[in-house]
Amino acid sequence: MRPSVAILGAGSMGGILAEGLLRAGWDPGEVIMAARRPEQAQEAERFIGVPVVLDAAQAAAGRDVVVVAVKPKDVPTLLDQVAEAVTPPQLVISLAAGVPIAVFEKALPGVAVVRSMPNTPAAVDEGMTAYCGGSQVDSAALETAASVLAAVGQTINLSEDLLDAVTAVSGTGPAYVFLLAEALTEAAIREGLPHHAAEKLVLQTVRGAGILLATSPKSAFRLRAEVTSPGGTTASAMHTLEDGGFRALVEDAVRSAASRSRELGQEAAAQDQAG
């Protein structure tokens, strides 16, 4: 039996999860969303096809699973709004980057809380979501959380101390790929390719390389080595990237994203204490 789900927040990730649940077999009556603005609610209801209300507490009341899908800075305010409506044995799943479980457990005593970090390929059921359970979470609650999150892709259960790194790798990762595709398309155009051809070449190359990497038993290192013939064009390109500090830039970007994730959590915790 599928759990009923309330998604608090009708932004990008909230909408992606709602659509994914419907594709995975949830009935529209088993999913409800809460939005802050009437126009946002109307748009979500029209395009997603589930009920959307303006009262987060109303949406959360009586639902098996309550998904928090608002921006990190809005979490403390939202928790104040739903504190009386969310009680055991309901399960709360947070999608808010950086916000620690402790913030939720303080606002919702006794409630099982799962913190997660999804990514945007969930829109095509190819998401990667890491999750971890709080002090009130048992194996059944973890299974329920996994079933909801798996509606939009793959999941992995990790400890909370790794979630900021997850945010920097898989949470932010699609943007790294998109930036690479953007830069490669621009470079192709500068080499004389027409825009439509450059875009098609790059998009299929990224798609094909991703599928090959995901399905091959070989590592990324091995696959790269196999297409890098000594003295060839790929070797020349790899040499340029390595000399330009490509690896160091990627490491710096991941470190920066992880640091910002920790900052978001600290800000949410400080805001919660101030409230």
C-alpha atoms as a PDB file:
ATOM      1  CA  MET A   1       0.000   0.000   0.000  1.00  0.00           C
ATOM      2  CA  ARG A   2       1.389   3.372  -1.038  1.00  0.00           C
ATOM      3  CA  PRO A   3       1.678   6.087   1.620  1.00  0.00           C
ATOM      4  CA  SER A   4      -0.285   9.304   1.166  1.00  0.00           C
ATOM      5  CA  VAL A   5       2.059  12.240   0.582  1.00  0.00           C
ATOM      6  CA  ALA A   6       1.879  15.973   1.269  1.00  0.00           C
ATOM      7  CA  ILE A   7       4.484  18.092  -0.508  1.00  0.00           C
ATOM      8  CA  LEU A   8       4.984  21.437   1.196  1.00  0.00           C
ATOM      9  CA  GLY A   9       6.350  23.687  -1.504  1.00  0.00           C
ATOM     10  CA  ALA A  10       5.300  23.944  -5.145  1.00  0.00           C
ATOM     11  CA  GLY A  11       8.649  25.023  -6.551  1.00  0.00           C
ATOM     12  CA  SER A  12      10.934  23.058  -8.855  1.00  0.00           C
ATOM     13  CA  MET A  13      11.782  20.031  -6.698  1.00  0.00           C
ATOM     14  CA  GLY A  14       8.313  19.829  -5.151  1.00  0.00           C
ATOM     15  CA  GLY A  15       6.733  19.733  -8.587  1.00  0.00           C
ATOM     16  CA  ILE A  16       9.270  17.222  -9.885  1.00  0.00           C
ATOM     17  CA  LEU A  17       8.563  14.864  -6.996  1.00  0.00           C
ATOM     18  CA  ALA A  18       4.785  15.204  -7.354  1.00  0.00           C
ATOM     19  CA  GLU A  19       4.944  14.381 -11.062  1.00  0.00           C
ATOM     20  CA  GLY A  20       7.289  11.484 -10.354  1.00  0.00           C
ATOM     21  CA  LEU A  21       4.941  10.012  -7.773  1.00  0.00           C
ATOM     22  CA  LEU A  22       2.100  10.079 -10.300  1.00  0.00           C
ATOM     23  CA  ARG A  23       4.273   8.369 -12.915  1.00  0.00           C
ATOM     24  CA  ALA A  24       5.236   5.762 -10.313  1.00  0.00           C
ATOM     25  CA  GLY A  25       1.598   4.841  -9.716  1.00  0.00           C
ATOM     26  CA  TRP A  26       0.392   7.135  -6.949  1.00  0.00           C
ATOM     27  CA  ASP A  27      -3.210   8.217  -7.425  1.00  0.00           C
ATOM     28  CA  PRO A  28      -3.742  12.007  -7.634  1.00  0.00           C
ATOM     29  CA  GLY A  29      -5.896  11.722  -4.516  1.00  0.00           C
ATOM     30  CA  GLU A  30      -2.926  10.293  -2.597  1.00  0.00           C
ATOM     31  CA  VAL A  31      -0.805  13.393  -3.214  1.00  0.00           C
ATOM     32  CA  ILE A  32      -1.438  16.963  -2.124  1.00  0.00           C
ATOM     33  CA  MET A  33       0.739  20.062  -2.389  1.00  0.00           C
ATOM     34  CA  ALA A  34       0.924  23.357  -0.534  1.00  0.00           C
ATOM     35  CA  ALA A  35       1.924  26.608  -2.234  1.00  0.00           C
ATOM     36  CA  ARG A  36       2.439  30.091  -0.843  1.00  0.00           C
ATOM     37  CA  ARG A  37       0.795  32.110  -3.616  1.00  0.00           C
ATOM     38  CA  PRO A  38      -2.598  31.609  -5.301  1.00  0.00           C
ATOM     39  CA  GLU A  39      -1.152  31.886  -8.809  1.00  0.00           C
ATOM     40  CA  GLN A  40       1.506  29.290  -7.970  1.00  0.00           C
ATOM     41  CA  ALA A  41      -1.159  26.968  -6.582  1.00  0.00           C
ATOM     42  CA  GLN A  42      -3.336  27.345  -9.684  1.00  0.00           C
ATOM     43  CA  GLU A  43      -0.424  26.680 -12.014  1.00  0.00           C
ATOM     44  CA  ALA A  44       0.732  23.608 -10.098  1.00  0.00           C
ATOM     45  CA  GLU A  45      -2.778  22.181  -9.890  1.00  0.00           C
ATOM     46  CA  ARG A  46      -3.316  22.710 -13.624  1.00  0.00           C
ATOM     47  CA  PHE A  47      -0.007  21.271 -14.834  1.00  0.00           C
ATOM     48  CA  ILE A  48       0.625  18.533 -12.265  1.00  0.00           C
ATOM     49  CA  GLY A  49      -2.936  17.410 -11.632  1.00  0.00           C
ATOM     50  CA  VAL A  50      -2.994  17.065  -7.848  1.00  0.00           C
ATOM     51  CA  PRO A  51      -4.815  19.211  -5.271  1.00  0.00           C
ATOM     52  CA  VAL A  52      -2.873  22.297  -4.203  1.00  0.00           C
ATOM     53  CA  VAL A  53      -3.800  24.336  -1.131  1.00  0.00           C
ATOM     54  CA  LEU A  54      -2.413  27.520   0.379  1.00  0.00           C
ATOM     55  CA  ASP A  55      -2.365  26.240   3.962  1.00  0.00           C
ATOM     56  CA  ALA A  56       0.658  24.011   4.677  1.00  0.00           C
ATOM     57  CA  ALA A  57      -0.866  22.688   7.901  1.00  0.00           C
ATOM     58  CA  GLN A  58      -4.028  21.691   6.038  1.00  0.00           C
ATOM     59  CA  ALA A  59      -1.964  19.838   3.447  1.00  0.00           C
ATOM     60  CA  ALA A  60       0.106  18.020   6.065  1.00  0.00           C
ATOM     61  CA  ALA A  61      -2.717  16.964   8.372  1.00  0.00           C
ATOM     62  CA  GLY A  62      -3.375  13.237   8.270  1.00  0.00           C
ATOM     63  CA  ARG A  63      -0.871  12.429   5.528  1.00  0.00           C
ATOM     64  CA  ASP A  64       1.488   9.489   6.021  1.00  0.00           C
ATOM     65  CA  VAL A  65       4.463  11.355   4.600  1.00  0.00           C
ATOM     66  CA  VAL A  66       5.117  15.096   4.708  1.00  0.00           C
ATOM     67  CA  VAL A  67       7.775  16.316   2.283  1.00  0.00           C
ATOM     68  CA  VAL A  68       9.424  19.657   3.013  1.00  0.00           C
ATOM     69  CA  ALA A  69      10.317  21.128  -0.390  1.00  0.00           C
ATOM     70  CA  VAL A  70      10.987  24.790   0.391  1.00  0.00           C
ATOM     71  CA  LYS A  71      14.211  26.799   0.308  1.00  0.00           C
ATOM     72  CA  PRO A  72      16.493  26.313   3.319  1.00  0.00           C
ATOM     73  CA  LYS A  73      15.854  29.839   4.607  1.00  0.00           C
ATOM     74  CA  ASP A  74      12.095  29.165   4.648  1.00  0.00           C
ATOM     75  CA  VAL A  75      12.273  25.940   6.671  1.00  0.00           C
ATOM     76  CA  PRO A  76      11.984  27.448  10.192  1.00  0.00           C
ATOM     77  CA  THR A  77       8.907  29.476   9.239  1.00  0.00           C
ATOM     78  CA  LEU A  78       7.280  26.472   7.594  1.00  0.00           C
ATOM     79  CA  LEU A  79       7.940  24.284  10.629  1.00  0.00           C
ATOM     80  CA  ASP A  80       6.246  26.868  12.852  1.00  0.00           C
ATOM     81  CA  GLN A  81       3.208  26.724  10.574  1.00  0.00           C
ATOM     82  CA  VAL A  82       2.859  22.926  10.647  1.00  0.00           C
ATOM     83  CA  ALA A  83       4.094  22.142  14.160  1.00  0.00           C
ATOM     84  CA  GLU A  84       0.631  21.267  15.471  1.00  0.00           C
ATOM     85  CA  ALA A  85      -0.461  19.434  12.332  1.00  0.00           C
ATOM     86  CA  VAL A  86       2.496  17.047  12.061  1.00  0.00           C
ATOM     87  CA  THR A  87       2.648  14.386  14.768  1.00  0.00           C
ATOM     88  CA  PRO A  88       3.774  10.763  15.162  1.00  0.00           C
ATOM     89  CA  PRO A  89       3.497   8.402  13.369  1.00  0.00           C
ATOM     90  CA  GLN A  90       3.811  10.745  10.382  1.00  0.00           C
ATOM     91  CA  LEU A  91       7.124  10.758   8.545  1.00  0.00           C
ATOM     92  CA  VAL A  92       8.803  13.997   7.443  1.00  0.00           C
ATOM     93  CA  ILE A  93      11.189  13.973   4.472  1.00  0.00           C
ATOM     94  CA  SER A  94      13.263  17.108   3.942  1.00  0.00           C
ATOM     95  CA  LEU A  95      14.559  18.121   0.523  1.00  0.00           C
ATOM     96  CA  ALA A  96      16.069  21.352   1.890  1.00  0.00           C
ATOM     97  CA  ALA A  97      19.792  21.538   1.149  1.00  0.00           C
ATOM     98  CA  GLY A  98      22.015  21.849   4.178  1.00  0.00           C
ATOM     99  CA  VAL A  99      19.323  21.945   6.872  1.00  0.00           C
ATOM    100  CA  PRO A 100      20.218  19.410   9.579  1.00  0.00           C
ATOM    101  CA  ILE A 101      17.795  16.902  11.049  1.00  0.00           C
ATOM    102  CA  ALA A 102      18.158  18.569  14.452  1.00  0.00           C
ATOM    103  CA  VAL A 103      16.245  21.622  13.210  1.00  0.00           C
ATOM    104  CA  PHE A 104      13.254  19.439  12.322  1.00  0.00           C
ATOM    105  CA  GLU A 105      13.397  17.300  15.453  1.00  0.00           C
ATOM    106  CA  LYS A 106      13.411  20.381  17.662  1.00  0.00           C
ATOM    107  CA  ALA A 107      10.317  21.779  15.953  1.00  0.00           C
ATOM    108  CA  LEU A 108       8.510  18.435  15.656  1.00  0.00           C
ATOM    109  CA  PRO A 109       9.191  16.415  18.835  1.00  0.00           C
ATOM    110  CA  GLY A 110       8.798  12.672  18.437  1.00  0.00           C
ATOM    111  CA  VAL A 111       8.305  12.831  14.666  1.00  0.00           C
ATOM    112  CA  ALA A 112      10.454  10.639  12.421  1.00  0.00           C
ATOM    113  CA  VAL A 113      12.566  12.837  10.133  1.00  0.00           C
ATOM    114  CA  VAL A 114      14.537  11.840   7.042  1.00  0.00           C
ATOM    115  CA  ARG A 115      16.903  14.334   5.454  1.00  0.00           C
ATOM    116  CA  SER A 116      17.537  13.889   1.743  1.00  0.00           C
ATOM    117  CA  MET A 117      19.373  15.492  -1.144  1.00  0.00           C
ATOM    118  CA  PRO A 118      17.829  14.885  -4.594  1.00  0.00           C
ATOM    119  CA  ASN A 119      18.849  16.368  -7.937  1.00  0.00           C
ATOM    120  CA  THR A 120      17.055  17.683 -10.994  1.00  0.00           C
ATOM    121  CA  PRO A 121      17.408  14.611 -13.268  1.00  0.00           C
ATOM    122  CA  ALA A 122      14.563  13.366 -11.082  1.00  0.00           C
ATOM    123  CA  ALA A 123      12.400  15.208 -13.630  1.00  0.00           C
ATOM    124  CA  VAL A 124      13.059  12.325 -16.048  1.00  0.00           C
ATOM    125  CA  ASP A 125      13.145   9.601 -13.358  1.00  0.00           C
ATOM    126  CA  GLU A 126      16.939   9.567 -13.446  1.00  0.00           C
ATOM    127  CA  GLY A 127      17.518  11.330 -10.146  1.00  0.00           C
ATOM    128  CA  MET A 128      20.101  10.454  -7.513  1.00  0.00           C
ATOM    129  CA  THR A 129      18.930  10.991  -3.952  1.00  0.00           C
ATOM    130  CA  ALA A 130      20.951  10.375  -0.803  1.00  0.00           C
ATOM    131  CA  TYR A 131      19.062  10.203   2.481  1.00  0.00           C
ATOM    132  CA  CYS A 132      19.580   9.614   6.193  1.00  0.00           C
ATOM    133  CA  GLY A 133      17.297   9.075   9.149  1.00  0.00           C
ATOM    134  CA  GLY A 134      17.014  10.934  12.425  1.00  0.00           C
ATOM    135  CA  SER A 135      16.745   9.620  15.968  1.00  0.00           C
ATOM    136  CA  GLN A 136      13.059   8.644  15.637  1.00  0.00           C
ATOM    137  CA  VAL A 137      13.454   6.777  12.345  1.00  0.00           C
ATOM    138  CA  ASP A 138      13.197   2.991  12.325  1.00  0.00           C
ATOM    139  CA  SER A 139      13.691   0.540   9.466  1.00  0.00           C
ATOM    140  CA  ALA A 140      10.058   0.809   8.385  1.00  0.00           C
ATOM    141  CA  ALA A 141      10.280   4.605   8.152  1.00  0.00           C
ATOM    142  CA  LEU A 142      13.483   4.328   6.130  1.00  0.00           C
ATOM    143  CA  GLU A 143      11.766   1.923   3.735  1.00  0.00           C
ATOM    144  CA  THR A 144       8.846   4.306   3.348  1.00  0.00           C
ATOM    145  CA  ALA A 145      11.175   7.239   2.665  1.00  0.00           C
ATOM    146  CA  ALA A 146      13.113   5.186   0.123  1.00  0.00           C
ATOM    147  CA  SER A 147       9.894   4.190  -1.662  1.00  0.00           C
ATOM    148  CA  VAL A 148       8.849   7.836  -2.028  1.00  0.00           C
ATOM    149  CA  LEU A 149      12.279   9.067  -3.125  1.00  0.00           C
ATOM    150  CA  ALA A 150      12.787   6.118  -5.503  1.00  0.00           C
ATOM    151  CA  ALA A 151       9.766   7.283  -7.511  1.00  0.00           C
ATOM    152  CA  VAL A 152      12.127   9.661  -9.326  1.00  0.00           C
ATOM    153  CA  GLY A 153      15.345   7.663  -9.573  1.00  0.00           C
ATOM    154  CA  GLN A 154      17.974   5.882  -7.531  1.00  0.00           C
ATOM    155  CA  THR A 155      18.600   6.282  -3.804  1.00  0.00           C
ATOM    156  CA  ILE A 156      21.408   5.659  -1.347  1.00  0.00           C
ATOM    157  CA  ASN A 157      21.298   5.649   2.449  1.00  0.00           C
ATOM    158  CA  LEU A 158      24.254   7.507   4.005  1.00  0.00           C
ATOM    159  CA  SER A 159      25.091   9.101   7.340  1.00  0.00           C
ATOM    160  CA  GLU A 160      24.120  12.725   7.877  1.00  0.00           C
ATOM    161  CA  ASP A 161      27.709  13.946   8.106  1.00  0.00           C
ATOM    162  CA  LEU A 162      28.094  13.079   4.398  1.00  0.00           C
ATOM    163  CA  LEU A 163      25.037  14.975   3.148  1.00  0.00           C
ATOM    164  CA  ASP A 164      26.855  18.262   2.564  1.00  0.00           C
ATOM    165  CA  ALA A 165      29.358  16.440   0.346  1.00  0.00           C
ATOM    166  CA  VAL A 166      26.442  14.759  -1.438  1.00  0.00           C
ATOM    167  CA  THR A 167      24.921  18.196  -2.062  1.00  0.00           C
ATOM    168  CA  ALA A 168      28.187  19.310  -3.653  1.00  0.00           C
ATOM    169  CA  VAL A 169      28.532  16.214  -5.845  1.00  0.00           C
ATOM    170  CA  SER A 170      25.164  14.859  -7.005  1.00  0.00           C
ATOM    171  CA  GLY A 171      22.950  17.723  -5.860  1.00  0.00           C
ATOM    172  CA  THR A 172      25.009  20.350  -7.685  1.00  0.00           C
ATOM    173  CA  GLY A 173      26.478  17.894 -10.180  1.00  0.00           C
ATOM    174  CA  PRO A 174      23.945  18.350 -12.988  1.00  0.00           C
ATOM    175  CA  ALA A 175      24.992  22.004 -13.219  1.00  0.00           C
ATOM    176  CA  TYR A 176      28.612  20.933 -13.732  1.00  0.00           C
ATOM    177  CA  VAL A 177      27.515  18.747 -16.645  1.00  0.00           C
ATOM    178  CA  PHE A 178      25.324  21.495 -18.089  1.00  0.00           C
ATOM    179  CA  LEU A 179      28.196  23.985 -17.895  1.00  0.00           C
ATOM    180  CA  LEU A 180      30.492  21.529 -19.675  1.00  0.00           C
ATOM    181  CA  ALA A 181      27.876  21.049 -22.403  1.00  0.00           C
ATOM    182  CA  GLU A 182      27.446  24.807 -22.697  1.00  0.00           C
ATOM    183  CA  ALA A 183      31.194  25.411 -22.996  1.00  0.00           C
ATOM    184  CA  LEU A 184      31.669  22.549 -25.460  1.00  0.00           C
ATOM    185  CA  THR A 185      28.853  23.856 -27.652  1.00  0.00           C
ATOM    186  CA  GLU A 186      30.387  27.333 -27.694  1.00  0.00           C
ATOM    187  CA  ALA A 187      33.802  25.889 -28.570  1.00  0.00           C
ATOM    188  CA  ALA A 188      32.267  23.837 -31.382  1.00  0.00           C
ATOM    189  CA  ILE A 189      30.669  26.953 -32.863  1.00  0.00           C
ATOM    190  CA  ARG A 190      33.995  28.786 -32.696  1.00  0.00           C
ATOM    191  CA  GLU A 191      35.524  25.915 -34.671  1.00  0.00           C
ATOM    192  CA  GLY A 192      33.019  26.607 -37.443  1.00  0.00           C
ATOM    193  CA  LEU A 193      30.161  24.222 -36.740  1.00  0.00           C
ATOM    194  CA  PRO A 194      26.657  25.646 -37.179  1.00  0.00           C
ATOM    195  CA  HIS A 195      24.738  26.051 -33.929  1.00  0.00           C
ATOM    196  CA  HIS A 196      22.217  23.260 -34.580  1.00  0.00           C
ATOM    197  CA  ALA A 197      24.967  20.790 -35.443  1.00  0.00           C
ATOM    198  CA  ALA A 198      27.110  21.797 -32.473  1.00  0.00           C
ATOM    199  CA  GLU A 199      24.205  21.396 -30.095  1.00  0.00           C
ATOM    200  CA  LYS A 200      23.195  17.990 -31.470  1.00  0.00           C
ATOM    201  CA  LEU A 201      26.760  16.689 -31.374  1.00  0.00           C
ATOM    202  CA  VAL A 202      27.288  17.838 -27.799  1.00  0.00           C
ATOM    203  CA  LEU A 203      23.943  16.689 -26.412  1.00  0.00           C
ATOM    204  CA  GLN A 204      24.251  13.183 -27.814  1.00  0.00           C
ATOM    205  CA  THR A 205      27.895  12.957 -26.766  1.00  0.00           C
ATOM    206  CA  VAL A 206      27.011  13.852 -23.186  1.00  0.00           C
ATOM    207  CA  ARG A 207      24.049  11.465 -23.218  1.00  0.00           C
ATOM    208  CA  GLY A 208      26.006   8.612 -24.774  1.00  0.00           C
ATOM    209  CA  ALA A 209      29.016   9.049 -22.524  1.00  0.00           C
ATOM    210  CA  GLY A 210      26.751   9.111 -19.462  1.00  0.00           C
ATOM    211  CA  ILE A 211      24.950   5.926 -20.466  1.00  0.00           C
ATOM    212  CA  LEU A 212      28.249   4.203 -21.289  1.00  0.00           C
ATOM    213  CA  LEU A 213      29.733   5.183 -17.931  1.00  0.00           C
ATOM    214  CA  ALA A 214      26.608   4.095 -16.043  1.00  0.00           C
ATOM    215  CA  THR A 215      26.287   0.714 -17.779  1.00  0.00           C
ATOM    216  CA  SER A 216      29.910  -0.284 -18.311  1.00  0.00           C
ATOM    217  CA  PRO A 217      31.788  -2.278 -15.656  1.00  0.00           C
ATOM    218  CA  LYS A 218      34.814  -0.139 -16.450  1.00  0.00           C
ATOM    219  CA  SER A 219      35.759   2.907 -14.377  1.00  0.00           C
ATOM    220  CA  ALA A 220      35.750   6.461 -15.694  1.00  0.00           C
ATOM    221  CA  PHE A 221      39.556   6.329 -15.671  1.00  0.00           C
ATOM    222  CA  ARG A 222      39.593   3.165 -17.798  1.00  0.00           C
ATOM    223  CA  LEU A 223      37.026   4.445 -20.286  1.00  0.00           C
ATOM    224  CA  ARG A 224      38.940   7.701 -20.709  1.00  0.00           C
ATOM    225  CA  ALA A 225      42.221   5.826 -21.186  1.00  0.00           C
ATOM    226  CA  GLU A 226      40.704   3.660 -23.905  1.00  0.00           C
ATOM    227  CA  VAL A 227      39.848   6.665 -26.065  1.00  0.00           C
ATOM    228  CA  THR A 228      43.102   8.505 -25.395  1.00  0.00           C
ATOM    229  CA  SER A 229      45.620   7.211 -27.929  1.00  0.00           C
ATOM    230  CA  PRO A 230      49.205   8.429 -27.425  1.00  0.00           C
ATOM    231  CA  GLY A 231      49.883  11.390 -29.682  1.00  0.00           C
ATOM    232  CA  GLY A 232      46.262  11.594 -30.794  1.00  0.00           C
ATOM    233  CA  THR A 233      43.633  14.330 -30.686  1.00  0.00           C
ATOM    234  CA  THR A 234      42.090  13.201 -27.395  1.00  0.00           C
ATOM    235  CA  ALA A 235      45.527  13.087 -25.747  1.00  0.00           C
ATOM    236  CA  SER A 236      46.149  16.648 -26.907  1.00  0.00           C
ATOM    237  CA  ALA A 237      42.827  17.805 -25.474  1.00  0.00           C
ATOM    238  CA  MET A 238      43.374  15.996 -22.155  1.00  0.00           C
ATOM    239  CA  HIS A 239      46.845  17.525 -21.861  1.00  0.00           C
ATOM    240  CA  THR A 240      45.364  21.003 -22.318  1.00  0.00           C
ATOM    241  CA  LEU A 241      42.690  20.394 -19.671  1.00  0.00           C
ATOM    242  CA  GLU A 242      45.181  18.960 -17.182  1.00  0.00           C
ATOM    243  CA  ASP A 243      47.626  21.826 -17.728  1.00  0.00           C
ATOM    244  CA  GLY A 244      44.771  24.284 -17.271  1.00  0.00           C
ATOM    245  CA  GLY A 245      44.018  22.914 -13.825  1.00  0.00           C
ATOM    246  CA  PHE A 246      40.751  21.146 -14.687  1.00  0.00           C
ATOM    247  CA  ARG A 247      40.910  18.702 -11.758  1.00  0.00           C
ATOM    248  CA  ALA A 248      41.785  21.447  -9.284  1.00  0.00           C
ATOM    249  CA  LEU A 249      38.874  23.561 -10.518  1.00  0.00           C
ATOM    250  CA  VAL A 250      36.445  20.677 -10.064  1.00  0.00           C
ATOM    251  CA  GLU A 251      37.787  20.040  -6.566  1.00  0.00           C
ATOM    252  CA  ASP A 252      37.469  23.729  -5.691  1.00  0.00           C
ATOM    253  CA  ALA A 253      33.896  23.822  -7.027  1.00  0.00           C
ATOM    254  CA  VAL A 254      32.861  20.790  -4.970  1.00  0.00           C
ATOM    255  CA  ARG A 255      34.513  22.196  -1.858  1.00  0.00           C
ATOM    256  CA  SER A 256      32.759  25.528  -2.368  1.00  0.00           C
ATOM    257  CA  ALA A 257      29.351  23.884  -2.795  1.00  0.00           C
ATOM    258  CA  ALA A 258      29.850  21.706   0.298  1.00  0.00           C
ATOM    259  CA  SER A 259      30.880  24.735   2.328  1.00  0.00           C
ATOM    260  CA  ARG A 260      27.809  26.637   1.198  1.00  0.00           C
ATOM    261  CA  SER A 261      25.606  23.683   2.123  1.00  0.00           C
ATOM    262  CA  ARG A 262      27.017  23.753   5.651  1.00  0.00           C
ATOM    263  CA  GLU A 263      26.450  27.506   5.805  1.00  0.00           C
ATOM    264  CA  LEU A 264      22.811  27.101   4.765  1.00  0.00           C
ATOM    265  CA  GLY A 265      22.317  24.609   7.564  1.00  0.00           C
ATOM    266  CA  GLN A 266      23.936  26.921  10.112  1.00  0.00           C
ATOM    267  CA  GLU A 267      21.792  29.818   8.951  1.00  0.00           C
ATOM    268  CA  ALA A 268      18.607  27.762   9.248  1.00  0.00           C
ATOM    269  CA  ALA A 269      19.620  26.569  12.722  1.00  0.00           C
ATOM    270  CA  ALA A 270      20.428  30.116  13.823  1.00  0.00           C
ATOM    271  CA  GLN A 271      17.108  31.375  12.455  1.00  0.00           C
ATOM    272  CA  ASP A 272      15.305  28.581  14.296  1.00  0.00           C
ATOM    273  CA  GLN A 273      17.017  29.478  17.579  1.00  0.00           C
ATOM    274  CA  ALA A 274      16.261  33.172  17.096  1.00  0.00           C
ATOM    275  CA  GLY A 275      12.605  32.330  16.543  1.00  0.00           C
END
